Amino acid sequence: MKYLLLLKWPIALTILGMGLWVLAGVTVIGAIKDTGTSFTGPGETTVSVSEPGNYRLWLETRTYLDGHMRTFPDQLPSGTSIRVFRTDNEDPVSLEATRGNMTMELRGVKRVSLGRMDMPEAGDYTFAIDGLDDERAFYLSEIRFLPIMIKTILSSLAGLGLIIAGIIWGMALVIRYKRWPDRDAGNQA
C-alpha cells in the first residue's frame, strides 16, 4: 500500500498517457467510417453539404446497386460530363481531376477518386451527370485526412511521452525509497 501511495502521481501520469493513445486510436477509427453521401447517376441529384470545406467525389467501381454486387471499370466512359453547382443560385463549383490513381476499399466497396472540389458554404448542391449508358454509384466525402493525421500524431506522441515520464518517475521514486528504508522509522522516533 505504501508503494501505491508513493506512486500515485506516476501512475496517474501513465494512465493519462494511455488515455491519449486511446484517443488517437478512436480518431483513426472515426476517420475510417463512412460519413459521406451516396447517390447514383446519370441525371441530376441534389446533395446537402453540412459545412463548407474540401470534398472528394468518388466513383464506386465495385458496389451494390439494386441489391446486387456490380463491378464497373475504374474510368468513366468517354463523353461523360459531371457538372456541380449550387442548387439555389446555380453558381458552378469546379471539380478538379485527381492526379494519379487514388482508390479506397471499405467493406467490399471499391471507390476511385474522380476529383476534389471546394464547397464555399453549407447548403444544397446539384450534381448533373450526363453521358452514362447505365446507372453508376457515386460518393461524396469531406477531405479530413490532414487534420485527423495531425490530431492522431500529436495525441500519440503526447501519450507516449506521458507514459515514459510516468514510468521513469515511478522507477526513480521506488529506487529513492529503497535507498533510504529507515526514513519513515527515523521520523517516528
N, C-alpha and C. Protein backbone atom coordinates (compact mmCIF):
# COMPACT_ATOMS: atom_id res chain seq x y z
N MET A 1 0.82 -1.19 0.00
CA MET A 1 0.00 0.00 0.00
C MET A 1 0.87 1.26 0.00
N LYS A 2 2.03 1.17 0.68
CA LYS A 2 2.93 2.32 0.71
C LYS A 2 3.40 2.67 -0.70
N TYR A 3 3.69 1.61 -1.48
CA TYR A 3 4.15 1.85 -2.84
C TYR A 3 3.06 2.52 -3.69
N LEU A 4 1.82 2.09 -3.51
CA LEU A 4 0.74 2.71 -4.27
C LEU A 4 0.59 4.19 -3.93
N LEU A 5 0.69 4.52 -2.66
CA LEU A 5 0.62 5.93 -2.26
C LEU A 5 1.82 6.71 -2.81
N LEU A 6 2.97 6.06 -2.78
CA LEU A 6 4.18 6.68 -3.27
C LEU A 6 4.10 6.92 -4.79
N LEU A 7 3.46 5.99 -5.49
CA LEU A 7 3.44 6.04 -6.96
C LEU A 7 2.14 6.60 -7.55
N LYS A 8 1.31 7.24 -6.72
CA LYS A 8 0.01 7.68 -7.23
C LYS A 8 0.15 8.66 -8.40
N TRP A 9 1.08 9.61 -8.34
CA TRP A 9 1.21 10.58 -9.43
C TRP A 9 1.85 9.98 -10.67
N PRO A 10 2.89 9.15 -10.55
CA PRO A 10 3.40 8.49 -11.77
C PRO A 10 2.37 7.57 -12.42
N ILE A 11 1.56 6.88 -11.60
CA ILE A 11 0.51 6.02 -12.15
C ILE A 11 -0.53 6.88 -12.87
N ALA A 12 -0.92 8.00 -12.26
CA ALA A 12 -1.89 8.89 -12.89
C ALA A 12 -1.35 9.43 -14.22
N LEU A 13 -0.08 9.78 -14.25
CA LEU A 13 0.55 10.28 -15.47
C LEU A 13 0.55 9.20 -16.56
N THR A 14 0.86 7.97 -16.19
CA THR A 14 0.87 6.86 -17.14
C THR A 14 -0.53 6.58 -17.67
N ILE A 15 -1.54 6.62 -16.80
CA ILE A 15 -2.92 6.40 -17.23
C ILE A 15 -3.37 7.51 -18.18
N LEU A 16 -2.98 8.75 -17.88
CA LEU A 16 -3.30 9.86 -18.78
C LEU A 16 -2.67 9.65 -20.15
N GLY A 17 -1.43 9.17 -20.18
CA GLY A 17 -0.76 8.87 -21.45
C GLY A 17 -1.47 7.78 -22.22
N MET A 18 -1.93 6.74 -21.50
CA MET A 18 -2.68 5.67 -22.17
C MET A 18 -4.00 6.20 -22.71
N GLY A 19 -4.62 7.13 -21.98
CA GLY A 19 -5.85 7.74 -22.46
C GLY A 19 -5.64 8.50 -23.76
N LEU A 20 -4.50 9.18 -23.88
CA LEU A 20 -4.20 9.88 -25.13
C LEU A 20 -3.98 8.91 -26.28
N TRP A 21 -3.42 7.73 -25.98
CA TRP A 21 -3.24 6.71 -27.02
C TRP A 21 -4.61 6.18 -27.46
N VAL A 22 -5.51 5.99 -26.51
CA VAL A 22 -6.86 5.55 -26.86
C VAL A 22 -7.54 6.61 -27.73
N LEU A 23 -7.36 7.88 -27.38
CA LEU A 23 -7.93 8.97 -28.18
C LEU A 23 -7.39 8.93 -29.62
N ALA A 24 -6.11 8.67 -29.76
CA ALA A 24 -5.52 8.57 -31.10
C ALA A 24 -6.14 7.41 -31.87
N GLY A 25 -6.33 6.28 -31.22
CA GLY A 25 -6.95 5.12 -31.87
C GLY A 25 -8.39 5.39 -32.28
N VAL A 26 -9.14 6.03 -31.40
CA VAL A 26 -10.54 6.37 -31.71
C VAL A 26 -10.60 7.35 -32.87
N THR A 27 -9.66 8.27 -32.93
CA THR A 27 -9.62 9.24 -34.03
C THR A 27 -9.40 8.53 -35.36
N VAL A 28 -8.49 7.57 -35.38
CA VAL A 28 -8.22 6.83 -36.62
C VAL A 28 -9.43 5.99 -37.01
N ILE A 29 -10.04 5.33 -36.04
CA ILE A 29 -11.22 4.52 -36.35
C ILE A 29 -12.36 5.40 -36.85
N GLY A 30 -12.51 6.59 -36.25
CA GLY A 30 -13.54 7.52 -36.70
C GLY A 30 -13.32 8.00 -38.12
N ALA A 31 -12.06 8.07 -38.54
CA ALA A 31 -11.76 8.53 -39.89
C ALA A 31 -12.10 7.47 -40.93
N ILE A 32 -12.13 6.21 -40.52
CA ILE A 32 -12.38 5.13 -41.46
C ILE A 32 -13.86 4.98 -41.78
N LYS A 33 -14.73 5.33 -40.84
CA LYS A 33 -16.16 5.11 -41.07
C LYS A 33 -16.69 5.99 -42.20
N ASP A 34 -17.74 5.50 -42.83
CA ASP A 34 -18.37 6.23 -43.93
C ASP A 34 -19.17 7.40 -43.38
N THR A 35 -18.83 8.60 -43.81
CA THR A 35 -19.58 9.78 -43.37
C THR A 35 -20.04 10.62 -44.56
N GLY A 36 -19.93 10.07 -45.74
CA GLY A 36 -20.27 10.81 -46.94
C GLY A 36 -21.69 10.53 -47.41
N THR A 37 -21.94 10.93 -48.64
CA THR A 37 -23.27 10.79 -49.24
C THR A 37 -23.16 10.00 -50.53
N SER A 38 -23.96 8.95 -50.63
CA SER A 38 -24.01 8.14 -51.85
C SER A 38 -25.15 8.61 -52.73
N PHE A 39 -24.93 8.56 -54.04
CA PHE A 39 -26.00 8.87 -55.00
C PHE A 39 -25.67 8.17 -56.31
N THR A 40 -26.64 8.14 -57.22
CA THR A 40 -26.43 7.46 -58.49
C THR A 40 -26.61 8.43 -59.64
N GLY A 41 -26.05 8.05 -60.77
CA GLY A 41 -26.17 8.82 -61.99
C GLY A 41 -26.38 7.87 -63.14
N PRO A 42 -26.80 8.27 -64.29
CA PRO A 42 -26.89 9.64 -64.78
C PRO A 42 -28.10 10.38 -64.23
N GLY A 43 -28.11 11.67 -64.52
CA GLY A 43 -29.21 12.52 -64.08
C GLY A 43 -28.72 13.58 -63.12
N GLU A 44 -29.67 14.28 -62.51
CA GLU A 44 -29.35 15.32 -61.53
C GLU A 44 -29.72 14.83 -60.14
N THR A 45 -28.80 15.05 -59.21
CA THR A 45 -29.02 14.67 -57.82
C THR A 45 -28.63 15.84 -56.94
N THR A 46 -29.46 16.14 -55.95
CA THR A 46 -29.16 17.21 -55.00
C THR A 46 -28.59 16.58 -53.73
N VAL A 47 -27.46 17.13 -53.30
CA VAL A 47 -26.77 16.65 -52.10
C VAL A 47 -26.64 17.81 -51.12
N SER A 48 -26.98 17.58 -49.86
CA SER A 48 -26.83 18.61 -48.82
C SER A 48 -25.44 18.52 -48.21
N VAL A 49 -24.77 19.66 -48.16
CA VAL A 49 -23.44 19.76 -47.55
C VAL A 49 -23.62 20.53 -46.24
N SER A 50 -23.24 19.90 -45.12
CA SER A 50 -23.50 20.50 -43.81
C SER A 50 -22.53 21.61 -43.42
N GLU A 51 -21.33 21.58 -43.98
CA GLU A 51 -20.38 22.65 -43.68
C GLU A 51 -19.44 22.87 -44.87
N PRO A 52 -18.95 24.10 -45.04
CA PRO A 52 -18.04 24.36 -46.15
C PRO A 52 -16.72 23.62 -45.96
N GLY A 53 -16.03 23.38 -47.07
CA GLY A 53 -14.74 22.71 -46.98
C GLY A 53 -14.37 22.02 -48.26
N ASN A 54 -13.33 21.19 -48.18
CA ASN A 54 -12.84 20.42 -49.32
C ASN A 54 -13.54 19.06 -49.34
N TYR A 55 -14.03 18.70 -50.52
CA TYR A 55 -14.75 17.45 -50.69
C TYR A 55 -14.16 16.67 -51.85
N ARG A 56 -14.33 15.36 -51.80
CA ARG A 56 -13.83 14.49 -52.86
C ARG A 56 -15.02 13.73 -53.44
N LEU A 57 -15.06 13.65 -54.78
CA LEU A 57 -16.09 12.88 -55.47
C LEU A 57 -15.48 11.55 -55.91
N TRP A 58 -16.14 10.46 -55.53
CA TRP A 58 -15.66 9.12 -55.83
C TRP A 58 -16.63 8.43 -56.79
N LEU A 59 -16.09 7.58 -57.63
CA LEU A 59 -16.87 6.67 -58.46
C LEU A 59 -16.76 5.29 -57.82
N GLU A 60 -17.89 4.69 -57.51
CA GLU A 60 -17.87 3.35 -56.91
C GLU A 60 -17.79 2.34 -58.04
N THR A 61 -16.66 1.62 -58.10
CA THR A 61 -16.44 0.67 -59.20
C THR A 61 -16.79 -0.76 -58.81
N ARG A 62 -16.90 -1.02 -57.53
CA ARG A 62 -17.43 -2.31 -57.04
C ARG A 62 -18.39 -1.95 -55.92
N THR A 63 -19.67 -2.15 -56.16
CA THR A 63 -20.67 -1.67 -55.22
C THR A 63 -21.97 -2.44 -55.36
N TYR A 64 -22.86 -2.20 -54.43
CA TYR A 64 -24.20 -2.78 -54.50
C TYR A 64 -25.14 -1.78 -55.17
N LEU A 65 -25.78 -2.22 -56.23
CA LEU A 65 -26.81 -1.44 -56.91
C LEU A 65 -28.02 -2.34 -57.09
N ASP A 66 -29.17 -1.87 -56.66
CA ASP A 66 -30.41 -2.64 -56.76
C ASP A 66 -30.28 -4.01 -56.09
N GLY A 67 -29.54 -4.07 -55.00
CA GLY A 67 -29.42 -5.31 -54.24
C GLY A 67 -28.43 -6.31 -54.79
N HIS A 68 -27.70 -5.96 -55.84
CA HIS A 68 -26.72 -6.87 -56.45
C HIS A 68 -25.35 -6.23 -56.46
N MET A 69 -24.32 -7.05 -56.22
CA MET A 69 -22.94 -6.56 -56.32
C MET A 69 -22.62 -6.39 -57.80
N ARG A 70 -22.17 -5.17 -58.16
CA ARG A 70 -21.83 -4.88 -59.54
C ARG A 70 -20.42 -4.33 -59.60
N THR A 71 -19.74 -4.62 -60.70
CA THR A 71 -18.38 -4.15 -60.92
C THR A 71 -18.34 -3.36 -62.23
N PHE A 72 -17.63 -2.22 -62.17
CA PHE A 72 -17.51 -1.34 -63.32
C PHE A 72 -16.03 -1.01 -63.54
N PRO A 73 -15.68 -0.52 -64.74
CA PRO A 73 -14.30 -0.07 -64.97
C PRO A 73 -13.95 1.10 -64.04
N ASP A 74 -12.66 1.29 -63.80
CA ASP A 74 -12.19 2.36 -62.92
C ASP A 74 -12.32 3.74 -63.54
N GLN A 75 -12.58 3.82 -64.83
CA GLN A 75 -12.71 5.10 -65.53
C GLN A 75 -14.14 5.25 -66.03
N LEU A 76 -14.62 6.48 -66.04
CA LEU A 76 -15.92 6.75 -66.64
C LEU A 76 -15.78 6.65 -68.16
N PRO A 77 -16.85 6.30 -68.87
CA PRO A 77 -16.78 6.25 -70.33
C PRO A 77 -16.48 7.63 -70.92
N SER A 78 -15.81 7.65 -72.04
CA SER A 78 -15.52 8.94 -72.68
C SER A 78 -16.85 9.61 -73.05
N GLY A 79 -16.87 10.92 -72.93
CA GLY A 79 -18.08 11.68 -73.20
C GLY A 79 -18.94 11.91 -71.97
N THR A 80 -18.52 11.37 -70.82
CA THR A 80 -19.27 11.59 -69.58
C THR A 80 -18.93 12.97 -69.05
N SER A 81 -19.93 13.71 -68.64
CA SER A 81 -19.69 15.03 -68.06
C SER A 81 -20.33 15.10 -66.68
N ILE A 82 -19.64 15.79 -65.78
CA ILE A 82 -20.14 16.00 -64.42
C ILE A 82 -20.08 17.49 -64.15
N ARG A 83 -21.24 18.08 -63.89
CA ARG A 83 -21.32 19.49 -63.50
C ARG A 83 -21.82 19.56 -62.07
N VAL A 84 -21.20 20.44 -61.28
CA VAL A 84 -21.61 20.63 -59.89
C VAL A 84 -21.92 22.11 -59.72
N PHE A 85 -23.08 22.41 -59.11
CA PHE A 85 -23.45 23.80 -58.90
C PHE A 85 -24.37 23.93 -57.69
N ARG A 86 -24.40 25.15 -57.14
CA ARG A 86 -25.31 25.45 -56.04
C ARG A 86 -26.73 25.30 -56.55
N THR A 87 -27.57 24.65 -55.78
CA THR A 87 -28.94 24.43 -56.22
C THR A 87 -29.75 25.72 -56.23
N ASP A 88 -29.51 26.60 -55.25
CA ASP A 88 -30.34 27.80 -55.15
C ASP A 88 -30.02 28.87 -56.18
N ASN A 89 -28.74 29.06 -56.53
CA ASN A 89 -28.39 30.14 -57.46
C ASN A 89 -27.61 29.67 -58.69
N GLU A 90 -27.36 28.38 -58.78
CA GLU A 90 -26.65 27.75 -59.90
C GLU A 90 -25.22 28.25 -60.09
N ASP A 91 -24.59 28.73 -59.00
CA ASP A 91 -23.16 29.06 -59.07
C ASP A 91 -22.37 27.77 -59.27
N PRO A 92 -21.51 27.71 -60.29
CA PRO A 92 -20.77 26.47 -60.54
C PRO A 92 -19.68 26.23 -59.49
N VAL A 93 -19.41 24.95 -59.25
CA VAL A 93 -18.33 24.54 -58.37
C VAL A 93 -17.36 23.73 -59.24
N SER A 94 -16.10 24.11 -59.21
CA SER A 94 -15.10 23.46 -60.06
C SER A 94 -14.71 22.10 -59.48
N LEU A 95 -14.76 21.07 -60.32
CA LEU A 95 -14.32 19.73 -59.97
C LEU A 95 -12.94 19.53 -60.58
N GLU A 96 -11.91 19.51 -59.71
CA GLU A 96 -10.53 19.35 -60.17
C GLU A 96 -10.20 17.86 -60.21
N ALA A 97 -9.76 17.39 -61.37
CA ALA A 97 -9.45 15.97 -61.55
C ALA A 97 -8.35 15.52 -60.60
N THR A 98 -8.44 14.28 -60.13
CA THR A 98 -7.44 13.69 -59.25
C THR A 98 -6.20 13.35 -60.06
N ARG A 99 -5.05 13.71 -59.53
CA ARG A 99 -3.79 13.33 -60.16
C ARG A 99 -3.44 11.92 -59.70
N GLY A 100 -3.09 11.07 -60.63
CA GLY A 100 -2.74 9.71 -60.27
C GLY A 100 -3.99 8.86 -60.06
N ASN A 101 -3.81 7.74 -59.40
CA ASN A 101 -4.90 6.80 -59.19
C ASN A 101 -5.14 6.65 -57.70
N MET A 102 -6.17 7.30 -57.19
CA MET A 102 -6.49 7.23 -55.78
C MET A 102 -7.71 6.33 -55.59
N THR A 103 -7.54 5.24 -54.84
CA THR A 103 -8.65 4.32 -54.61
C THR A 103 -8.83 4.10 -53.11
N MET A 104 -10.03 3.63 -52.76
CA MET A 104 -10.35 3.32 -51.37
C MET A 104 -11.26 2.10 -51.38
N GLU A 105 -10.98 1.14 -50.52
CA GLU A 105 -11.83 -0.03 -50.39
C GLU A 105 -12.27 -0.15 -48.94
N LEU A 106 -13.58 -0.34 -48.76
CA LEU A 106 -14.14 -0.44 -47.42
C LEU A 106 -15.38 -1.34 -47.48
N ARG A 107 -15.36 -2.42 -46.72
CA ARG A 107 -16.47 -3.36 -46.64
C ARG A 107 -16.93 -3.85 -48.02
N GLY A 108 -15.98 -4.20 -48.86
CA GLY A 108 -16.29 -4.77 -50.16
C GLY A 108 -16.60 -3.76 -51.25
N VAL A 109 -16.71 -2.48 -50.90
CA VAL A 109 -17.00 -1.44 -51.89
C VAL A 109 -15.68 -0.77 -52.28
N LYS A 110 -15.45 -0.69 -53.59
CA LYS A 110 -14.23 -0.04 -54.09
C LYS A 110 -14.60 1.29 -54.71
N ARG A 111 -13.86 2.33 -54.31
CA ARG A 111 -14.10 3.67 -54.84
C ARG A 111 -12.84 4.19 -55.51
N VAL A 112 -13.03 4.89 -56.63
CA VAL A 112 -11.93 5.52 -57.36
C VAL A 112 -12.23 7.02 -57.38
N SER A 113 -11.24 7.81 -57.00
CA SER A 113 -11.44 9.26 -56.93
C SER A 113 -11.55 9.86 -58.32
N LEU A 114 -12.59 10.67 -58.49
CA LEU A 114 -12.76 11.42 -59.74
C LEU A 114 -12.17 12.81 -59.63
N GLY A 115 -12.18 13.38 -58.42
CA GLY A 115 -11.65 14.72 -58.24
C GLY A 115 -12.05 15.32 -56.91
N ARG A 116 -11.57 16.53 -56.70
CA ARG A 116 -11.87 17.25 -55.46
C ARG A 116 -12.49 18.59 -55.80
N MET A 117 -13.20 19.13 -54.82
CA MET A 117 -13.84 20.43 -55.03
C MET A 117 -13.93 21.16 -53.71
N ASP A 118 -13.96 22.49 -53.80
CA ASP A 118 -14.15 23.33 -52.61
C ASP A 118 -15.59 23.78 -52.58
N MET A 119 -16.29 23.37 -51.53
CA MET A 119 -17.66 23.83 -51.34
C MET A 119 -17.58 25.10 -50.49
N PRO A 120 -17.91 26.27 -51.06
CA PRO A 120 -17.68 27.54 -50.36
C PRO A 120 -18.58 27.77 -49.16
N GLU A 121 -19.73 27.12 -49.12
CA GLU A 121 -20.63 27.30 -47.98
C GLU A 121 -21.55 26.10 -47.87
N ALA A 122 -22.16 25.98 -46.69
CA ALA A 122 -23.11 24.88 -46.47
C ALA A 122 -24.35 25.12 -47.32
N GLY A 123 -25.02 24.05 -47.70
CA GLY A 123 -26.24 24.17 -48.49
C GLY A 123 -26.41 23.00 -49.43
N ASP A 124 -27.32 23.16 -50.36
CA ASP A 124 -27.62 22.11 -51.34
C ASP A 124 -26.84 22.34 -52.63
N TYR A 125 -26.25 21.25 -53.13
CA TYR A 125 -25.51 21.30 -54.38
C TYR A 125 -26.09 20.25 -55.31
N THR A 126 -26.14 20.58 -56.59
CA THR A 126 -26.66 19.65 -57.59
C THR A 126 -25.51 19.06 -58.38
N PHE A 127 -25.55 17.74 -58.55
CA PHE A 127 -24.59 17.02 -59.37
C PHE A 127 -25.34 16.57 -60.62
N ALA A 128 -24.96 17.12 -61.77
CA ALA A 128 -25.59 16.78 -63.05
C ALA A 128 -24.61 15.90 -63.82
N ILE A 129 -24.99 14.65 -64.00
CA ILE A 129 -24.10 13.67 -64.64
C ILE A 129 -24.76 13.22 -65.94
N ASP A 130 -24.05 13.40 -67.04
CA ASP A 130 -24.56 13.04 -68.36
C ASP A 130 -23.55 12.14 -69.08
N GLY A 131 -24.05 11.35 -70.02
CA GLY A 131 -23.18 10.55 -70.87
C GLY A 131 -22.97 9.13 -70.41
N LEU A 132 -23.73 8.67 -69.44
CA LEU A 132 -23.62 7.28 -68.99
C LEU A 132 -24.76 6.47 -69.61
N ASP A 133 -24.44 5.24 -70.03
CA ASP A 133 -25.48 4.36 -70.60
C ASP A 133 -26.21 3.59 -69.51
N ASP A 134 -25.52 3.32 -68.41
CA ASP A 134 -26.14 2.56 -67.32
C ASP A 134 -25.92 3.29 -66.00
N GLU A 135 -26.67 2.87 -64.99
CA GLU A 135 -26.59 3.52 -63.68
C GLU A 135 -25.25 3.23 -63.02
N ARG A 136 -24.67 4.27 -62.44
CA ARG A 136 -23.42 4.15 -61.68
C ARG A 136 -23.61 4.79 -60.32
N ALA A 137 -22.82 4.32 -59.35
CA ALA A 137 -22.89 4.86 -57.99
C ALA A 137 -21.73 5.84 -57.77
N PHE A 138 -22.04 6.95 -57.13
CA PHE A 138 -21.06 7.97 -56.78
C PHE A 138 -21.10 8.19 -55.27
N TYR A 139 -20.04 8.79 -54.76
CA TYR A 139 -19.94 9.01 -53.31
C TYR A 139 -19.21 10.34 -53.08
N LEU A 140 -19.78 11.20 -52.25
CA LEU A 140 -19.17 12.49 -51.93
C LEU A 140 -18.75 12.46 -50.47
N SER A 141 -17.47 12.75 -50.20
CA SER A 141 -16.99 12.76 -48.81
C SER A 141 -16.11 13.98 -48.57
N GLU A 142 -16.12 14.43 -47.33
CA GLU A 142 -15.29 15.56 -46.95
C GLU A 142 -13.84 15.07 -46.80
N ILE A 143 -12.89 15.89 -47.25
CA ILE A 143 -11.48 15.55 -47.11
C ILE A 143 -11.04 15.97 -45.71
N ARG A 144 -10.74 14.99 -44.86
CA ARG A 144 -10.37 15.29 -43.48
C ARG A 144 -9.04 14.65 -43.11
N PHE A 145 -8.26 14.21 -44.07
CA PHE A 145 -7.06 13.44 -43.79
C PHE A 145 -6.04 14.21 -42.95
N LEU A 146 -5.68 15.41 -43.38
CA LEU A 146 -4.63 16.16 -42.70
C LEU A 146 -4.98 16.50 -41.25
N PRO A 147 -6.16 17.06 -40.95
CA PRO A 147 -6.46 17.34 -39.54
C PRO A 147 -6.50 16.09 -38.67
N ILE A 148 -7.00 14.99 -39.23
CA ILE A 148 -7.08 13.75 -38.46
C ILE A 148 -5.67 13.21 -38.20
N MET A 149 -4.80 13.25 -39.20
CA MET A 149 -3.44 12.75 -39.01
C MET A 149 -2.67 13.60 -38.00
N ILE A 150 -2.84 14.91 -38.06
CA ILE A 150 -2.16 15.79 -37.10
C ILE A 150 -2.64 15.48 -35.69
N LYS A 151 -3.95 15.36 -35.51
CA LYS A 151 -4.51 15.05 -34.18
C LYS A 151 -4.01 13.69 -33.69
N THR A 152 -3.97 12.71 -34.58
CA THR A 152 -3.52 11.37 -34.21
C THR A 152 -2.05 11.37 -33.82
N ILE A 153 -1.22 12.01 -34.62
CA ILE A 153 0.22 12.03 -34.33
C ILE A 153 0.51 12.77 -33.03
N LEU A 154 -0.13 13.94 -32.84
CA LEU A 154 0.10 14.70 -31.60
C LEU A 154 -0.39 13.95 -30.36
N SER A 155 -1.56 13.32 -30.46
CA SER A 155 -2.07 12.54 -29.32
C SER A 155 -1.15 11.36 -29.02
N SER A 156 -0.69 10.69 -30.06
CA SER A 156 0.20 9.54 -29.86
C SER A 156 1.52 9.94 -29.23
N LEU A 157 2.13 11.00 -29.74
CA LEU A 157 3.42 11.44 -29.19
C LEU A 157 3.27 11.95 -27.75
N ALA A 158 2.22 12.73 -27.49
CA ALA A 158 2.00 13.21 -26.12
C ALA A 158 1.73 12.03 -25.18
N GLY A 159 0.92 11.09 -25.63
CA GLY A 159 0.63 9.91 -24.82
C GLY A 159 1.88 9.09 -24.53
N LEU A 160 2.70 8.87 -25.55
CA LEU A 160 3.94 8.13 -25.36
C LEU A 160 4.87 8.86 -24.39
N GLY A 161 4.97 10.18 -24.54
CA GLY A 161 5.81 10.96 -23.63
C GLY A 161 5.34 10.85 -22.19
N LEU A 162 4.03 10.92 -21.97
CA LEU A 162 3.49 10.81 -20.61
C LEU A 162 3.69 9.41 -20.03
N ILE A 163 3.53 8.39 -20.85
CA ILE A 163 3.75 7.01 -20.38
C ILE A 163 5.21 6.83 -19.96
N ILE A 164 6.13 7.27 -20.80
CA ILE A 164 7.56 7.14 -20.48
C ILE A 164 7.90 7.96 -19.24
N ALA A 165 7.39 9.19 -19.16
CA ALA A 165 7.67 10.03 -17.99
C ALA A 165 7.11 9.40 -16.72
N GLY A 166 5.90 8.84 -16.80
CA GLY A 166 5.31 8.19 -15.63
C GLY A 166 6.13 6.99 -15.17
N ILE A 167 6.60 6.18 -16.11
CA ILE A 167 7.40 5.00 -15.75
C ILE A 167 8.74 5.42 -15.15
N ILE A 168 9.41 6.38 -15.77
CA ILE A 168 10.71 6.84 -15.24
C ILE A 168 10.54 7.48 -13.87
N TRP A 169 9.53 8.31 -13.70
CA TRP A 169 9.27 8.94 -12.41
C TRP A 169 8.97 7.89 -11.35
N GLY A 170 8.16 6.89 -11.70
CA GLY A 170 7.85 5.82 -10.76
C GLY A 170 9.09 5.03 -10.38
N MET A 171 9.94 4.71 -11.35
CA MET A 171 11.18 3.98 -11.06
C MET A 171 12.10 4.80 -10.16
N ALA A 172 12.19 6.09 -10.43
CA ALA A 172 13.04 6.96 -9.61
C ALA A 172 12.52 7.00 -8.17
N LEU A 173 11.23 7.08 -7.98
CA LEU A 173 10.66 7.10 -6.63
C LEU A 173 10.91 5.79 -5.89
N VAL A 174 10.75 4.67 -6.59
CA VAL A 174 10.98 3.36 -5.96
C VAL A 174 12.45 3.21 -5.58
N ILE A 175 13.36 3.59 -6.48
CA ILE A 175 14.80 3.50 -6.17
C ILE A 175 15.14 4.40 -4.98
N ARG A 176 14.62 5.60 -4.99
CA ARG A 176 14.88 6.53 -3.89
C ARG A 176 14.32 6.00 -2.58
N TYR A 177 13.13 5.42 -2.62
CA TYR A 177 12.50 4.88 -1.41
C TYR A 177 13.29 3.69 -0.88
N LYS A 178 13.80 2.84 -1.78
CA LYS A 178 14.56 1.66 -1.35
C LYS A 178 15.93 2.03 -0.78
N ARG A 179 16.52 3.13 -1.21
CA ARG A 179 17.84 3.54 -0.71
C ARG A 179 17.76 4.00 0.73
N TRP A 180 16.66 4.56 1.13
CA TRP A 180 16.50 5.05 2.49
C TRP A 180 15.32 4.34 3.17
N PRO A 181 15.51 3.04 3.49
CA PRO A 181 14.41 2.27 4.06
C PRO A 181 14.03 2.74 5.49
N ASP A 182 14.96 3.31 6.21
CA ASP A 182 14.69 3.70 7.59
C ASP A 182 14.18 5.15 7.66
N ARG A 183 13.92 5.72 6.57
CA ARG A 183 13.48 7.10 6.52
C ARG A 183 12.22 7.31 7.35
N ASP A 184 11.23 6.44 7.22
CA ASP A 184 10.00 6.60 8.00
C ASP A 184 10.23 6.28 9.47
N ALA A 185 11.10 5.30 9.76
CA ALA A 185 11.36 4.94 11.16
C ALA A 185 12.04 6.08 11.90
N GLY A 186 12.96 6.80 11.24
CA GLY A 186 13.66 7.92 11.88
C GLY A 186 12.73 9.08 12.16
N ASN A 187 11.73 9.26 11.35
CA ASN A 187 10.79 10.36 11.57
C ASN A 187 9.84 10.08 12.72
N GLN A 188 9.62 8.79 13.04
CA GLN A 188 8.68 8.43 14.10
C GLN A 188 9.32 8.53 15.47
N ALA A 189 10.64 8.44 15.61
CA ALA A 189 11.29 8.42 16.91
C ALA A 189 11.35 9.76 17.58
